[in-house]
């Protein structure tokens, strides 16, 4: 995804270096999680939500799994219990 972005735009070597360092850092920490943090941050971003995954042409079934993971997390950790 980052490669597609860089190929479409012309940036200085400093910007490209910074982007690659950020990508490497994300790859390092993303591989230590189940990806849920990434999914959460993307979905709660007011500009992205689930549309981001659709724009990246992810399978609809996978998008639904992501959606259900967020719903389950909310229900199990954050939703207040009714009296």
N, C-alpha and C. Protein backbone atom coordinates (compact mmCIF):
# COMPACT_ATOMS: atom_id res chain seq x y z
N UNK A 1 0.82 -1.18 0.00
CA UNK A 1 0.00 0.00 0.00
C UNK A 1 0.87 1.25 0.00
N UNK A 2 1.88 1.28 0.85
CA UNK A 2 2.79 2.43 0.88
C UNK A 2 3.54 2.54 -0.43
N UNK A 3 3.91 1.40 -0.99
CA UNK A 3 4.63 1.41 -2.25
C UNK A 3 3.78 2.04 -3.36
N UNK A 4 2.48 1.71 -3.40
CA UNK A 4 1.59 2.30 -4.40
C UNK A 4 1.54 3.81 -4.23
N UNK A 5 1.47 4.27 -2.99
CA UNK A 5 1.42 5.70 -2.70
C UNK A 5 2.69 6.39 -3.16
N UNK A 6 3.84 5.79 -2.84
CA UNK A 6 5.11 6.40 -3.22
C UNK A 6 5.29 6.42 -4.73
N UNK A 7 4.80 5.39 -5.40
CA UNK A 7 4.94 5.34 -6.86
C UNK A 7 4.10 6.39 -7.56
N UNK A 8 2.99 6.78 -6.94
CA UNK A 8 2.10 7.76 -7.56
C UNK A 8 2.56 9.19 -7.34
N UNK A 9 3.43 9.41 -6.36
CA UNK A 9 3.83 10.75 -5.99
C UNK A 9 5.35 10.89 -6.01
N UNK A 10 5.80 12.11 -6.16
CA UNK A 10 7.24 12.38 -6.18
C UNK A 10 7.61 13.09 -4.88
N UNK A 11 8.48 12.45 -4.09
CA UNK A 11 8.89 12.99 -2.81
C UNK A 11 10.40 13.04 -2.71
N UNK A 12 10.89 13.89 -1.80
CA UNK A 12 12.33 13.97 -1.58
C UNK A 12 12.81 12.69 -0.91
N UNK A 13 14.10 12.45 -0.99
CA UNK A 13 14.68 11.26 -0.36
C UNK A 13 14.46 11.24 1.15
N UNK A 14 14.43 12.43 1.78
CA UNK A 14 14.18 12.51 3.22
C UNK A 14 12.77 12.00 3.56
N UNK A 15 11.80 12.40 2.79
CA UNK A 15 10.42 11.97 3.02
C UNK A 15 10.31 10.47 2.79
N UNK A 16 10.88 9.98 1.72
CA UNK A 16 10.84 8.54 1.43
C UNK A 16 11.52 7.75 2.54
N UNK A 17 12.64 8.25 3.04
CA UNK A 17 13.34 7.58 4.14
C UNK A 17 12.47 7.54 5.39
N UNK A 18 11.82 8.66 5.70
CA UNK A 18 10.95 8.72 6.89
C UNK A 18 9.76 7.77 6.74
N UNK A 19 9.18 7.71 5.57
CA UNK A 19 8.06 6.81 5.33
C UNK A 19 8.50 5.36 5.48
N UNK A 20 9.64 5.02 4.94
CA UNK A 20 10.14 3.65 5.07
C UNK A 20 10.46 3.28 6.51
N UNK A 21 11.01 4.22 7.28
CA UNK A 21 11.28 3.96 8.69
C UNK A 21 9.98 3.75 9.46
N UNK A 22 8.98 4.56 9.16
CA UNK A 22 7.68 4.40 9.81
C UNK A 22 7.06 3.06 9.45
N UNK A 23 7.19 2.69 8.18
CA UNK A 23 6.66 1.40 7.73
C UNK A 23 7.34 0.25 8.46
N UNK A 24 8.65 0.32 8.59
CA UNK A 24 9.39 -0.73 9.31
C UNK A 24 8.97 -0.81 10.77
N UNK A 25 8.75 0.34 11.40
CA UNK A 25 8.32 0.36 12.80
C UNK A 25 6.92 -0.25 12.93
N UNK A 26 6.03 0.12 12.02
CA UNK A 26 4.68 -0.46 12.05
C UNK A 26 4.72 -1.97 11.85
N UNK A 27 5.54 -2.41 10.90
CA UNK A 27 5.65 -3.85 10.65
C UNK A 27 6.18 -4.59 11.88
N UNK A 28 7.11 -3.96 12.59
CA UNK A 28 7.68 -4.58 13.78
C UNK A 28 6.62 -4.82 14.84
N UNK A 29 5.80 -3.81 15.12
CA UNK A 29 4.82 -3.92 16.19
C UNK A 29 3.53 -4.60 15.73
N UNK A 30 3.17 -4.43 14.47
CA UNK A 30 1.96 -5.06 13.97
C UNK A 30 2.08 -6.58 14.05
N UNK A 31 3.28 -7.09 13.80
CA UNK A 31 3.46 -8.54 13.81
C UNK A 31 3.37 -9.13 15.22
N UNK A 32 3.45 -8.29 16.25
CA UNK A 32 3.34 -8.79 17.63
C UNK A 32 1.92 -8.74 18.16
N UNK A 33 0.99 -8.26 17.35
CA UNK A 33 -0.42 -8.21 17.75
C UNK A 33 -1.22 -9.08 16.82
N UNK A 34 -2.48 -9.20 17.11
CA UNK A 34 -3.36 -9.93 16.20
C UNK A 34 -3.96 -8.99 15.17
N UNK A 35 -3.47 -7.77 15.13
CA UNK A 35 -3.96 -6.79 14.16
C UNK A 35 -5.16 -6.00 14.65
N UNK A 36 -5.68 -6.35 15.80
CA UNK A 36 -6.89 -5.68 16.28
C UNK A 36 -6.67 -4.19 16.52
N UNK A 37 -5.51 -3.82 17.01
CA UNK A 37 -5.22 -2.40 17.25
C UNK A 37 -5.29 -1.62 15.95
N UNK A 38 -4.73 -2.17 14.91
CA UNK A 38 -4.77 -1.53 13.60
C UNK A 38 -6.21 -1.41 13.11
N UNK A 39 -6.96 -2.47 13.26
CA UNK A 39 -8.36 -2.47 12.82
C UNK A 39 -9.15 -1.42 13.60
N UNK A 40 -8.97 -1.39 14.91
CA UNK A 40 -9.68 -0.42 15.75
C UNK A 40 -9.34 1.00 15.33
N UNK A 41 -8.05 1.29 15.20
CA UNK A 41 -7.65 2.66 14.87
C UNK A 41 -8.17 3.09 13.51
N UNK A 42 -8.26 2.17 12.59
CA UNK A 42 -8.77 2.51 11.26
C UNK A 42 -10.27 2.75 11.31
N UNK A 43 -10.99 1.90 12.01
CA UNK A 43 -12.44 2.01 12.04
C UNK A 43 -12.90 3.23 12.83
N UNK A 44 -12.21 3.58 13.91
CA UNK A 44 -12.66 4.74 14.68
C UNK A 44 -12.19 6.07 14.09
N UNK A 45 -11.30 6.02 13.11
CA UNK A 45 -10.90 7.24 12.42
C UNK A 45 -12.12 7.78 11.67
N UNK A 46 -12.49 9.02 11.95
CA UNK A 46 -13.71 9.57 11.37
C UNK A 46 -13.67 9.65 9.85
N UNK A 47 -12.47 9.70 9.28
CA UNK A 47 -12.36 9.81 7.84
C UNK A 47 -12.32 8.45 7.15
N UNK A 48 -11.94 7.42 7.86
CA UNK A 48 -11.73 6.12 7.22
C UNK A 48 -12.88 5.15 7.45
N UNK A 49 -13.09 4.79 8.70
CA UNK A 49 -14.10 3.79 9.07
C UNK A 49 -13.89 2.52 8.25
N UNK A 50 -14.95 1.80 7.97
CA UNK A 50 -14.83 0.56 7.20
C UNK A 50 -14.57 0.82 5.72
N UNK A 51 -14.85 2.03 5.27
CA UNK A 51 -14.66 2.34 3.86
C UNK A 51 -13.21 2.15 3.44
N UNK A 52 -12.28 2.39 4.34
CA UNK A 52 -10.87 2.20 4.01
C UNK A 52 -10.61 0.78 3.54
N UNK A 53 -11.14 -0.19 4.26
CA UNK A 53 -10.93 -1.58 3.90
C UNK A 53 -11.59 -1.91 2.56
N UNK A 54 -12.75 -1.30 2.31
CA UNK A 54 -13.43 -1.50 1.03
C UNK A 54 -12.61 -0.90 -0.11
N UNK A 55 -12.06 0.29 0.14
CA UNK A 55 -11.24 0.95 -0.88
C UNK A 55 -9.98 0.15 -1.20
N UNK A 56 -9.48 -0.59 -0.21
CA UNK A 56 -8.30 -1.42 -0.42
C UNK A 56 -8.65 -2.78 -1.00
N UNK A 57 -9.93 -2.94 -1.32
CA UNK A 57 -10.47 -4.14 -1.97
C UNK A 57 -10.28 -5.40 -1.13
N UNK A 58 -10.41 -5.24 0.19
CA UNK A 58 -10.40 -6.42 1.05
C UNK A 58 -11.70 -7.19 0.84
N UNK A 59 -11.64 -8.46 1.04
CA UNK A 59 -12.80 -9.32 0.88
C UNK A 59 -13.90 -8.89 1.85
N UNK A 60 -15.14 -8.87 1.38
CA UNK A 60 -16.27 -8.47 2.21
C UNK A 60 -16.39 -9.32 3.47
N UNK A 61 -16.07 -10.58 3.36
CA UNK A 61 -16.12 -11.47 4.51
C UNK A 61 -15.11 -11.04 5.58
N UNK A 62 -13.92 -10.65 5.15
CA UNK A 62 -12.90 -10.19 6.09
C UNK A 62 -13.33 -8.87 6.75
N UNK A 63 -13.92 -7.99 5.98
CA UNK A 63 -14.41 -6.72 6.53
C UNK A 63 -15.48 -6.99 7.59
N UNK A 64 -16.35 -7.94 7.33
CA UNK A 64 -17.38 -8.29 8.31
C UNK A 64 -16.76 -8.88 9.57
N UNK A 65 -15.71 -9.67 9.43
CA UNK A 65 -15.00 -10.21 10.60
C UNK A 65 -14.42 -9.06 11.42
N UNK A 66 -13.79 -8.09 10.76
CA UNK A 66 -13.24 -6.93 11.45
C UNK A 66 -14.34 -6.19 12.21
N UNK A 67 -15.46 -5.99 11.54
CA UNK A 67 -16.59 -5.29 12.15
C UNK A 67 -17.07 -6.03 13.40
N UNK A 68 -17.20 -7.33 13.31
CA UNK A 68 -17.66 -8.13 14.44
C UNK A 68 -16.64 -8.11 15.59
N UNK A 69 -15.36 -8.09 15.27
CA UNK A 69 -14.34 -8.01 16.31
C UNK A 69 -14.50 -6.71 17.11
N UNK A 70 -14.75 -5.62 16.43
CA UNK A 70 -14.93 -4.33 17.10
C UNK A 70 -16.20 -4.34 17.94
N UNK A 71 -17.28 -4.86 17.40
CA UNK A 71 -18.54 -4.94 18.14
C UNK A 71 -18.37 -5.79 19.39
N UNK A 72 -17.73 -6.94 19.25
CA UNK A 72 -17.51 -7.82 20.40
C UNK A 72 -16.63 -7.18 21.45
N UNK A 73 -15.58 -6.49 21.02
CA UNK A 73 -14.71 -5.80 21.96
C UNK A 73 -15.51 -4.76 22.74
N UNK A 74 -16.31 -3.99 22.05
CA UNK A 74 -17.13 -2.96 22.70
C UNK A 74 -18.10 -3.59 23.69
N UNK A 75 -18.78 -4.64 23.27
CA UNK A 75 -19.76 -5.29 24.15
C UNK A 75 -19.10 -5.89 25.39
N UNK A 76 -17.94 -6.50 25.22
CA UNK A 76 -17.28 -7.20 26.32
C UNK A 76 -16.46 -6.31 27.24
N UNK A 77 -15.97 -5.18 26.74
CA UNK A 77 -15.06 -4.36 27.53
C UNK A 77 -15.62 -2.99 27.90
N UNK A 78 -16.50 -2.41 27.07
CA UNK A 78 -16.85 -1.02 27.25
C UNK A 78 -18.34 -0.75 27.48
N UNK A 79 -19.19 -1.59 26.96
CA UNK A 79 -20.63 -1.36 27.09
C UNK A 79 -21.01 -1.48 28.56
N UNK A 80 -21.78 -0.50 29.01
CA UNK A 80 -22.22 -0.54 30.39
C UNK A 80 -23.30 -1.60 30.57
N UNK A 81 -23.23 -2.26 31.69
CA UNK A 81 -24.23 -3.29 32.00
C UNK A 81 -25.49 -2.61 32.49
N UNK A 82 -26.62 -3.01 31.93
CA UNK A 82 -27.89 -2.43 32.34
C UNK A 82 -28.35 -3.09 33.63
N UNK A 83 -28.97 -2.28 34.50
CA UNK A 83 -29.47 -2.82 35.77
C UNK A 83 -30.81 -3.45 35.61
